[in-house]
Amino acid sequence: MRYETVGAAGPRVSAVILGCGNFGGIGSPAQFRGKGDNRDTAFAVMDAARDSGISMFDTADAYAGGDSERWVGEWLASRRAHGEIALTTKVGGPVEFGSGLSGEHIRRAIDASLARLGVERVELYLAHGPDDSVPIEETVGAFEELVQAGKIGAYGVSNVDAGQLKAAADAGSPVNVQNGYNLFDRLGQAEVLKACADKGAGFTAYSPLAGGLLTGKHRGGESYQAGSRMALRPPELTDLTMERAFEALPRLTDIADGHGVSLTTLALAWVLTDPNVTAAVVGPRSAEHLRPLVAAADLQLTAEQRAELVVAVSAN
């Protein structure tokens, strides 16, 4: 495993970050609570992640109605792992007392998150998405207060465009952007990646495998596996399930075979070897699924090899 510092002043993290959005549910929507990993599976995944050298877990207050944070906290306590694992959590999604990025909501939300996680401080606190109803100065001001209070080490933003990042950077000192980024969803992030470089912010990629599409386990014309993200959340993944994407999978698999690795490993390595990417957030559904993901941190792709993969997905 290799490690990088997030931005100019963020925490040092493993190249592969464990995403905990599957714990107890599938992300934030209430209708998917109970459809994700159960507690025992979540604990097994966290055990395997720590054993693999992963040093940061990523969660959010809205995931599974707070159960994701709660289970991470229970695992940390049971494994006495507080000094080994850094934490990212997020604010702004729907929780029992509301949502959004007002200063009042942020101050209340961090205390609730810290209580569920069983810690006094999280290393990185992210705005889960933009809130146009609140001035960015108010949001960033609240984050700065939390840094001064010692409740967070640093803060950042998620699901933003380049203009929104620049506005946050003009108002304060965000150290990180967390956006979706993968071989099938790359062009939209070019300006954001450039803005991160210009502002000295890190970039952590979520959905680096396009919701499981880049594992190669889904094929065009086939039904999605029961319980998978593709089956449970088709609306948000519709743009990734086009015929073009499915037609690219055999070409990508051939390239992966040439490297002697799985498509999962190759696709994640493409993300991790982007010089503007700090780390990638992965959400394996089992401890076994973690192995090819961790292997990606050790696969170094040259610029020419990365370009070959882009050609493979653009050839249709």
Foldseek 3Di string as FASTA:
>chain_A
DDWDAFFDFAHIWDQEEAELLQEQANHQDQVGGNLGAYLVQSLQQVVLCVVLVGAEYEEECRRNQNVSLLSQLVSCVVVVCPVRHAYEYEAADDHPVGGHQALVRVVVVLVVSCVSNVHQAGREYEHAADDPVYQLLRRLVSQVVCCVVRRYVAYAYEPDALVVRVSNLVNHQHAEYEYADFLLPHPRCPSVLVSCVVSRGAYEHECHCLQVVQQVPDAPPDDDDPSGCCNPPVVVSVSCRDPLNRVLNVVLQVVCVVVVAGSLLVGLLLQSQPPSHRHYYDHDRGSVVCVSVSVNSVDHDDPVRSVVSSCSSVVD
